[in-house]
Amino acid sequence: MIKRLKDYDFTLMITPILLTAFGLVMIYSASMVIAVVEGNESTHYLTRQALWFGIGMVGFVFCSVFPYKYYQRLMKIIIFCVILLLIGVLFFGITVNNARSWFVVGPISLQPAEFAKLGLILYLASVYSKKQAYISEFNKGVLPPLILTGVILGLIVMQPDIGTAAIIFLIACAVIFSAGIRFKHLFILIFIGVVIFAIAAPNMITDTRIARFTGAYQPFQAPETGGYQLIQSYLAIGGGGLTGEGLGQSVQKLGYLMEAHTDFIMAIIAEELGFIGVIIVIGLLAAIVLRGIFISRKTRDSFGALLAIGISSMVGIQAFINLGAISGLLPITGVPLPFVSYGGSSLLVLLISMGILNNIAMTVKKQERESEAEQENSQSISERNKFNSRGGKSWLS
């Protein structure tokens, strides 16, 4: 047990817990007013997120000790379940914010697209790790896994959930690029993507999405419609200054900034805890991403390396898109801030992913320890042979 504890990557164990615990505090601060307005207890959203935190920690601990290489054996089952859930939600899901993306059973709601992120990472890492010998061949090494990737993306776009589809597309690009794809083939994929987008664009472009785009880059031209949410975010961020107004003292959460406890929770953090609070959160998220990249470089097998890259890119890309939306750098797409925003499905998948990444890190440490022991043993044998060759005698002989 002590040896196993020594193998744990404490950066990947402590940092997600710190971010999630901090997120619980900020979720309560950002949602207590809206919860009461909706007719619930002020702790309504806090309690639900805390429940998912507990479930997620069970998943984290289990995945930390479950050997990650076994996921390759379960790959067909994992992908089958992902596709089944994505098809099922189109027929039996409920519509939230103009997207049929949720299963709701009593008080429990699940978003299958969140689980699709991790499922696709496992699939791409598994397939491309087996195709390393001919990864330079487009038809044989690159294209086949992209067909299933396209099916998953298509099912998510049909909901429609453009934000999650964009994240999954970028994650897939990160894994494929890390697998060693040739730049020529990368340009071919980009070209294919542009053509598909051009064909699908007429059906995807709606007045709501146009308003989100113009609201992101010209918010003051429509301050009461498309630009309203971003302007309120600006007011929250600008009002916090360096140290913030104080925990719980946000004004924008009092009905001005919609989705304050979900997509725009960083704006509330900026208002209450200032620039210092924002930098701390970004620093913790960056620590997870950089640690994952470091582990991928230390991992001996290609499946573990690509899996670590995929999980790290999921956290980094999702954080970038969320921060880009609240700052006006990107259109608002409804992407939560990893570990911090309210959302049970997102938190559960992230904590499970951290468990898998921790298991990869534990395997790396174990391999390094075994390698050091072999080197010490080899050095000891070499020194003893040299001693004996000079006619020396050991007192044990």
Protein backbone atom coordinates (compact mmCIF):
# COMPACT_ATOMS: atom_id res chain seq x y z
CA MET A 1 0.00 0.00 0.00
CA ILE A 2 2.86 2.37 0.90
CA LYS A 3 4.62 1.60 -2.38
CA ARG A 4 1.41 2.28 -4.30
CA LEU A 5 1.00 5.59 -2.46
CA LYS A 6 4.54 6.56 -3.41
CA ASP A 7 3.71 5.92 -7.06
CA TYR A 8 0.79 8.37 -7.05
CA ASP A 9 1.32 11.58 -8.99
CA PHE A 10 0.37 14.10 -6.33
CA THR A 11 0.14 16.95 -8.84
CA LEU A 12 -2.61 15.09 -10.69
CA MET A 13 -4.25 14.04 -7.44
CA ILE A 14 -4.23 17.31 -5.49
CA THR A 15 -4.69 19.87 -8.28
CA PRO A 16 -8.04 18.54 -9.61
CA ILE A 17 -9.35 18.22 -6.04
CA LEU A 18 -8.31 21.79 -5.23
CA LEU A 19 -9.95 23.11 -8.40
CA THR A 20 -13.16 21.16 -7.77
CA ALA A 21 -13.35 22.22 -4.11
CA PHE A 22 -12.79 25.82 -5.14
CA GLY A 23 -15.44 25.34 -7.81
CA LEU A 24 -17.95 24.24 -5.16
CA VAL A 25 -17.37 27.47 -3.25
CA MET A 26 -17.77 29.59 -6.37
CA ILE A 27 -20.81 27.64 -7.58
CA TYR A 28 -22.53 28.37 -4.27
CA SER A 29 -21.56 32.03 -4.45
CA ALA A 30 -22.68 32.39 -8.08
CA SER A 31 -25.90 30.36 -7.85
CA MET A 32 -27.44 30.98 -4.43
CA VAL A 33 -29.55 33.91 -5.65
CA ILE A 34 -30.79 32.26 -8.85
CA ALA A 35 -31.52 29.06 -6.90
CA VAL A 36 -33.83 30.95 -4.54
CA VAL A 37 -35.48 32.78 -7.45
CA GLU A 38 -36.19 29.39 -9.04
CA GLY A 39 -37.91 28.27 -5.83
CA ASN A 40 -35.11 26.05 -4.49
CA GLU A 41 -32.85 26.18 -1.46
CA SER A 42 -29.86 28.48 -1.80
CA THR A 43 -27.61 25.40 -1.67
CA HIS A 44 -29.47 23.62 -4.50
CA TYR A 45 -26.69 23.74 -7.09
CA LEU A 46 -23.94 23.30 -4.50
CA THR A 47 -25.53 20.10 -3.18
CA ARG A 48 -25.95 18.60 -6.65
CA GLN A 49 -22.39 19.42 -7.67
CA ALA A 50 -21.05 18.04 -4.37
CA LEU A 51 -22.87 14.77 -5.09
CA TRP A 52 -21.21 14.52 -8.50
CA PHE A 53 -17.89 15.35 -6.85
CA GLY A 54 -18.31 12.34 -4.58
CA ILE A 55 -19.24 10.05 -7.47
CA GLY A 56 -16.35 11.45 -9.51
CA MET A 57 -13.86 10.76 -6.72
CA VAL A 58 -14.95 7.10 -6.67
CA GLY A 59 -14.27 7.02 -10.42
CA PHE A 60 -10.95 8.81 -9.89
CA VAL A 61 -9.73 6.29 -7.29
CA PHE A 62 -10.88 3.28 -9.33
CA CYS A 63 -9.26 4.51 -12.56
CA SER A 64 -6.07 5.38 -10.69
CA VAL A 65 -5.54 1.71 -9.78
CA PHE A 66 -7.13 0.11 -12.87
CA PRO A 67 -4.33 -0.63 -15.41
CA TYR A 68 -4.89 1.70 -18.34
CA LYS A 69 -3.72 -0.86 -20.90
CA TYR A 70 -6.87 -2.90 -20.25
CA TYR A 71 -8.94 -0.19 -21.94
CA GLN A 72 -7.64 -1.46 -25.27
CA ARG A 73 -9.37 -4.79 -24.61
CA LEU A 74 -12.62 -2.96 -23.78
CA MET A 75 -12.47 -0.60 -26.75
CA LYS A 76 -15.29 -2.15 -28.80
CA ILE A 77 -17.63 -2.05 -25.80
CA ILE A 78 -16.67 1.56 -24.97
CA ILE A 79 -17.25 2.85 -28.51
CA PHE A 80 -20.49 0.88 -28.87
CA CYS A 81 -21.82 2.44 -25.65
CA VAL A 82 -20.77 5.95 -26.76
CA ILE A 83 -22.54 5.67 -30.13
CA LEU A 84 -25.61 4.07 -28.53
CA LEU A 85 -25.88 6.94 -26.03
CA LEU A 86 -25.47 9.58 -28.74
CA ILE A 87 -28.16 7.98 -30.88
CA GLY A 88 -30.44 7.45 -27.89
CA VAL A 89 -30.30 11.08 -26.77
CA LEU A 90 -31.56 12.21 -30.20
CA PHE A 91 -34.74 10.19 -29.66
CA PHE A 92 -35.23 10.11 -25.91
CA GLY A 93 -33.27 13.10 -24.63
CA ILE A 94 -34.70 16.41 -23.46
CA THR A 95 -34.00 19.80 -24.99
CA VAL A 96 -32.02 22.34 -22.96
CA ASN A 97 -30.92 25.64 -24.53
CA ASN A 98 -32.16 24.56 -27.98
CA ALA A 99 -30.11 21.33 -27.95
CA ARG A 100 -31.37 17.78 -27.37
CA SER A 101 -28.30 16.78 -25.38
CA TRP A 102 -29.52 15.41 -22.05
CA PHE A 103 -30.92 12.26 -20.51
CA VAL A 104 -32.94 13.02 -17.39
CA VAL A 105 -33.97 10.29 -14.94
CA GLY A 106 -35.54 11.78 -11.82
CA PRO A 107 -33.03 14.19 -10.24
CA ILE A 108 -30.14 12.81 -12.35
CA SER A 109 -29.22 14.33 -15.70
CA LEU A 110 -26.45 13.06 -17.98
CA GLN A 111 -24.92 14.57 -21.11
CA PRO A 112 -23.66 11.75 -23.37
CA ALA A 113 -21.46 14.10 -25.42
CA GLU A 114 -19.23 14.58 -22.37
CA PHE A 115 -18.59 10.83 -22.18
CA ALA A 116 -17.99 10.81 -25.94
CA LYS A 117 -14.93 13.02 -25.38
CA LEU A 118 -13.18 10.44 -23.23
CA GLY A 119 -14.45 7.53 -25.30
CA LEU A 120 -13.02 9.00 -28.50
CA ILE A 121 -9.69 9.77 -26.80
CA LEU A 122 -9.41 6.12 -25.72
CA TYR A 123 -10.37 4.93 -29.20
CA LEU A 124 -7.97 7.17 -31.14
CA ALA A 125 -5.09 6.46 -28.74
CA SER A 126 -5.71 2.72 -29.05
CA VAL A 127 -6.03 2.63 -32.84
CA TYR A 128 -3.18 4.98 -33.69
CA SER A 129 -0.84 3.26 -31.23
CA LYS A 130 -1.35 0.08 -33.29
CA LYS A 131 -0.82 1.90 -36.60
CA GLN A 132 2.60 3.39 -35.81
CA ALA A 133 4.32 1.12 -38.34
CA TYR A 134 2.33 2.64 -41.23
CA ILE A 135 1.16 5.98 -39.82
CA SER A 136 2.72 7.70 -42.86
CA GLU A 137 0.25 5.93 -45.17
CA PHE A 138 -2.94 8.00 -45.36
CA ASN A 139 -5.42 5.36 -46.56
CA LYS A 140 -4.17 2.61 -44.27
CA GLY A 141 -2.79 4.45 -41.25
CA VAL A 142 -4.73 7.71 -40.93
CA LEU A 143 -8.14 7.51 -42.59
CA PRO A 144 -9.95 4.47 -41.06
CA PRO A 145 -10.27 5.83 -37.48
CA LEU A 146 -11.46 9.18 -38.84
CA ILE A 147 -14.60 7.56 -40.25
CA LEU A 148 -15.82 6.65 -36.76
CA THR A 149 -14.67 10.06 -35.49
CA GLY A 150 -16.82 11.68 -38.18
CA VAL A 151 -19.83 9.58 -37.13
CA ILE A 152 -19.47 10.69 -33.50
CA LEU A 153 -19.05 14.33 -34.52
CA GLY A 154 -22.07 14.10 -36.79
CA LEU A 155 -24.27 12.72 -34.00
CA ILE A 156 -23.22 15.56 -31.69
CA VAL A 157 -23.78 18.21 -34.36
CA MET A 158 -27.29 16.81 -34.90
CA GLN A 159 -28.25 17.64 -31.29
CA PRO A 160 -26.97 20.37 -32.07
CA ASP A 161 -24.02 20.93 -29.70
CA ILE A 162 -21.46 22.84 -31.75
CA GLY A 163 -19.26 23.70 -28.76
CA THR A 164 -18.71 20.07 -27.73
CA ALA A 165 -18.26 19.04 -31.37
CA ALA A 166 -15.54 21.70 -31.76
CA ILE A 167 -13.77 20.43 -28.63
CA ILE A 168 -13.87 16.82 -29.82
CA PHE A 169 -12.60 17.83 -33.27
CA LEU A 170 -9.64 19.71 -31.74
CA ILE A 171 -8.88 16.83 -29.35
CA ALA A 172 -8.86 14.43 -32.29
CA CYS A 173 -6.46 16.74 -34.16
CA ALA A 174 -4.13 16.83 -31.13
CA VAL A 175 -4.05 13.02 -30.83
CA ILE A 176 -3.63 12.47 -34.58
CA PHE A 177 -0.84 15.06 -34.82
CA SER A 178 0.94 13.50 -31.81
CA ALA A 179 0.64 10.06 -33.41
CA GLY A 180 3.07 11.22 -36.11
CA ILE A 181 0.86 12.08 -39.05
CA ARG A 182 2.67 13.71 -42.01
CA PHE A 183 2.04 17.41 -42.59
CA LYS A 184 0.83 16.66 -46.11
CA HIS A 185 -1.89 14.42 -44.70
CA LEU A 186 -2.73 17.01 -42.06
CA PHE A 187 -3.42 19.56 -44.79
CA ILE A 188 -5.61 17.01 -46.57
CA LEU A 189 -7.67 16.56 -43.40
CA ILE A 190 -8.02 20.31 -42.98
CA PHE A 191 -9.18 20.63 -46.58
CA ILE A 192 -11.74 17.84 -46.10
CA GLY A 193 -12.95 19.54 -42.91
CA VAL A 194 -13.39 22.87 -44.69
CA VAL A 195 -15.36 21.22 -47.52
CA ILE A 196 -17.65 19.39 -45.08
CA PHE A 197 -18.21 22.58 -43.10
CA ALA A 198 -19.04 24.49 -46.29
CA ILE A 199 -21.62 21.86 -47.24
CA ALA A 200 -23.16 21.69 -43.76
CA ALA A 201 -22.97 25.43 -43.02
CA PRO A 202 -26.37 26.40 -44.54
CA ASN A 203 -28.14 23.99 -42.16
CA MET A 204 -25.99 24.93 -39.14
CA ILE A 205 -26.26 28.71 -39.44
CA THR A 206 -29.23 30.07 -37.52
CA ASP A 207 -30.18 33.50 -36.25
CA THR A 208 -29.12 32.47 -32.74
CA ARG A 209 -25.65 31.40 -33.86
CA ILE A 210 -25.21 34.54 -35.96
CA ALA A 211 -26.17 36.60 -32.90
CA ARG A 212 -23.56 34.74 -30.82
CA PHE A 213 -20.88 35.46 -33.41
CA THR A 214 -21.70 39.15 -33.80
CA GLY A 215 -22.21 39.42 -30.05
CA ALA A 216 -18.67 38.17 -29.47
CA TYR A 217 -16.97 40.67 -31.76
CA GLN A 218 -19.44 43.57 -31.86
CA PRO A 219 -21.27 43.34 -28.51
CA PHE A 220 -22.04 47.05 -28.18
CA GLN A 221 -23.94 47.12 -31.47
CA ALA A 222 -26.63 44.95 -29.85
CA PRO A 223 -26.24 45.58 -26.10
CA GLU A 224 -29.71 44.30 -25.22
CA THR A 225 -29.70 41.16 -27.40
CA GLY A 226 -26.70 39.37 -28.90
CA GLY A 227 -24.08 41.40 -27.04
CA TYR A 228 -25.83 41.50 -23.65
CA GLN A 229 -24.15 38.47 -22.06
CA LEU A 230 -20.63 39.47 -23.07
CA ILE A 231 -21.12 43.05 -21.88
CA GLN A 232 -22.22 41.76 -18.47
CA SER A 233 -19.14 39.54 -18.44
CA TYR A 234 -16.96 42.57 -19.19
CA LEU A 235 -18.58 44.45 -16.30
CA ALA A 236 -17.89 41.56 -13.94
CA ILE A 237 -14.27 41.16 -15.05
CA GLY A 238 -13.58 44.89 -15.05
CA GLY A 239 -15.25 45.42 -11.69
CA GLY A 240 -12.98 42.95 -9.89
CA GLY A 241 -9.69 44.74 -10.46
CA LEU A 242 -6.62 43.17 -8.88
CA THR A 243 -8.07 41.70 -5.67
CA GLY A 244 -11.82 41.64 -6.37
CA GLU A 245 -14.88 42.86 -4.52
CA GLY A 246 -14.70 40.01 -2.02
CA LEU A 247 -16.08 36.48 -1.92
CA GLY A 248 -19.86 36.54 -2.29
CA GLN A 249 -19.96 40.24 -3.21
CA SER A 250 -20.64 39.91 -6.94
CA VAL A 251 -23.29 42.21 -8.39
CA GLN A 252 -23.52 40.58 -11.83
CA LYS A 253 -24.73 37.27 -10.37
CA LEU A 254 -27.90 39.03 -9.13
CA GLY A 255 -29.74 38.28 -12.36
CA TYR A 256 -27.60 40.38 -14.71
CA LEU A 257 -25.15 37.72 -15.93
CA MET A 258 -26.99 34.60 -17.09
CA GLU A 259 -25.40 31.18 -16.54
CA ALA A 260 -23.15 32.72 -13.90
CA HIS A 261 -22.53 29.37 -12.18
CA THR A 262 -21.87 27.44 -15.40
CA ASP A 263 -20.25 28.91 -18.52
CA PHE A 264 -19.45 32.32 -17.01
CA ILE A 265 -18.20 31.31 -13.59
CA MET A 266 -14.74 32.74 -14.36
CA ALA A 267 -16.32 36.18 -14.76
CA ILE A 268 -17.72 35.86 -11.23
CA ILE A 269 -14.32 34.71 -9.98
CA ALA A 270 -12.78 37.80 -11.58
CA GLU A 271 -15.39 40.06 -9.98
CA GLU A 272 -15.14 38.57 -6.48
CA LEU A 273 -11.47 37.53 -6.29
CA GLY A 274 -9.94 39.76 -8.93
CA PHE A 275 -7.03 39.18 -11.28
CA ILE A 276 -5.21 37.22 -8.56
CA GLY A 277 -8.01 34.66 -8.32
CA VAL A 278 -8.15 34.28 -12.10
CA ILE A 279 -4.40 33.70 -12.36
CA ILE A 280 -4.48 31.05 -9.62
CA VAL A 281 -7.23 29.11 -11.41
CA ILE A 282 -5.49 29.36 -14.79
CA GLY A 283 -2.21 28.32 -13.14
CA LEU A 284 -3.77 25.18 -11.65
CA LEU A 285 -5.36 24.25 -14.98
CA ALA A 286 -2.04 24.84 -16.76
CA ALA A 287 -0.29 22.62 -14.19
CA ILE A 288 -2.60 19.72 -15.11
CA VAL A 289 -2.07 20.22 -18.86
CA LEU A 290 1.70 20.54 -18.61
CA ARG A 291 1.95 17.58 -16.24
CA GLY A 292 -0.02 15.47 -18.70
CA ILE A 293 2.28 16.45 -21.55
CA PHE A 294 5.32 15.63 -19.41
CA ILE A 295 3.90 12.20 -18.59
CA SER A 296 3.21 11.52 -22.27
CA ARG A 297 6.88 12.13 -23.05
CA LYS A 298 8.00 9.79 -20.26
CA THR A 299 5.62 6.97 -21.16
CA ARG A 300 7.26 4.04 -22.92
CA ASP A 301 4.26 2.72 -24.84
CA SER A 302 2.52 4.73 -27.56
CA PHE A 303 -1.00 4.01 -26.23
CA GLY A 304 -0.20 5.59 -22.86
CA ALA A 305 1.53 8.53 -24.53
CA LEU A 306 -1.38 9.29 -26.88
CA LEU A 307 -3.90 8.78 -24.08
CA ALA A 308 -2.05 11.28 -21.89
CA ILE A 309 -1.93 13.78 -24.77
CA GLY A 310 -5.64 13.36 -25.42
CA ILE A 311 -6.65 13.90 -21.79
CA SER A 312 -4.33 16.89 -21.40
CA SER A 313 -5.62 18.47 -24.61
CA MET A 314 -9.22 17.94 -23.46
CA VAL A 315 -8.60 20.01 -20.32
CA GLY A 316 -6.54 22.65 -22.13
CA ILE A 317 -8.84 23.07 -25.13
CA GLN A 318 -11.99 23.23 -23.01
CA ALA A 319 -10.42 25.83 -20.71
CA PHE A 320 -9.22 27.91 -23.67
CA ILE A 321 -12.66 27.92 -25.34
CA ASN A 322 -14.40 28.86 -22.07
CA LEU A 323 -11.97 31.69 -21.31
CA GLY A 324 -12.15 32.86 -24.91
CA ALA A 325 -15.94 33.08 -24.70
CA ILE A 326 -16.09 35.15 -21.50
CA SER A 327 -13.43 37.55 -22.80
CA GLY A 328 -14.86 38.03 -26.31
CA LEU A 329 -12.00 36.22 -28.02
CA LEU A 330 -14.35 33.46 -29.19
CA PRO A 331 -18.13 33.18 -29.72
CA ILE A 332 -20.18 31.93 -26.78
CA THR A 333 -20.64 28.17 -27.20
CA GLY A 334 -21.77 27.00 -23.77
CA VAL A 335 -18.51 25.26 -22.81
CA PRO A 336 -17.94 24.96 -19.03
CA LEU A 337 -14.65 25.71 -17.28
CA PRO A 338 -13.01 22.37 -16.36
CA PHE A 339 -13.51 21.30 -12.71
CA VAL A 340 -14.88 24.70 -11.70
CA SER A 341 -18.17 25.24 -13.57
CA TYR A 342 -21.42 23.61 -12.51
CA GLY A 343 -22.09 20.43 -14.46
CA GLY A 344 -22.18 16.85 -13.20
CA SER A 345 -21.40 15.03 -16.45
CA SER A 346 -18.42 17.25 -17.20
CA LEU A 347 -17.00 16.91 -13.68
CA LEU A 348 -17.47 13.13 -13.63
CA VAL A 349 -15.67 12.66 -16.96
CA LEU A 350 -12.85 14.99 -15.94
CA LEU A 351 -12.22 13.21 -12.62
CA ILE A 352 -12.29 9.80 -14.31
CA SER A 353 -9.83 11.16 -16.90
CA MET A 354 -7.55 12.38 -14.13
CA GLY A 355 -7.65 8.90 -12.62
CA ILE A 356 -6.58 7.37 -15.94
CA LEU A 357 -3.80 9.95 -16.32
CA ASN A 358 -2.69 9.22 -12.76
CA ASN A 359 -2.51 5.52 -13.55
CA ILE A 360 -0.28 6.27 -16.55
CA ALA A 361 1.95 8.38 -14.28
CA MET A 362 2.06 5.57 -11.69
CA THR A 363 3.10 3.10 -14.39
CA VAL A 364 5.87 5.45 -15.51
CA LYS A 365 7.18 5.75 -11.95
CA LYS A 366 7.07 1.98 -11.49
CA GLN A 367 8.98 1.45 -14.74
CA GLU A 368 11.57 4.04 -13.74
CA ARG A 369 12.01 2.39 -10.33
CA GLU A 370 12.44 -1.05 -11.93
CA SER A 371 14.90 0.38 -14.46
CA GLU A 372 16.97 1.96 -11.68
CA ALA A 373 16.97 -1.33 -9.75
CA GLU A 374 18.16 -3.19 -12.86
CA GLN A 375 20.93 -0.65 -13.42
CA GLU A 376 22.07 -0.90 -9.80
CA ASN A 377 21.99 -4.69 -9.96
CA SER A 378 23.91 -4.68 -13.26
CA GLN A 379 26.47 -2.26 -11.83
CA SER A 380 26.88 -4.41 -8.72
CA ILE A 381 27.45 -7.55 -10.79
CA SER A 382 29.93 -5.70 -13.01
CA GLU A 383 31.94 -4.46 -10.00
CA ARG A 384 31.96 -7.92 -8.42
CA ASN A 385 33.19 -9.48 -11.68
CA LYS A 386 35.98 -6.90 -11.91
CA PHE A 387 36.97 -7.62 -8.32
CA ASN A 388 37.04 -11.38 -8.91
CA SER A 389 39.01 -10.96 -12.15
CA ARG A 390 41.76 -9.25 -10.16
CA GLY A 391 41.97 -12.25 -7.84
CA GLY A 392 40.06 -10.63 -5.00
CA LYS A 393 37.89 -12.53 -2.56
CA SER A 394 34.69 -11.51 -0.93
CA TRP A 395 34.28 -12.18 2.77
CA LEU A 396 31.04 -13.96 1.82
CA SER A 397 32.94 -16.54 -0.24
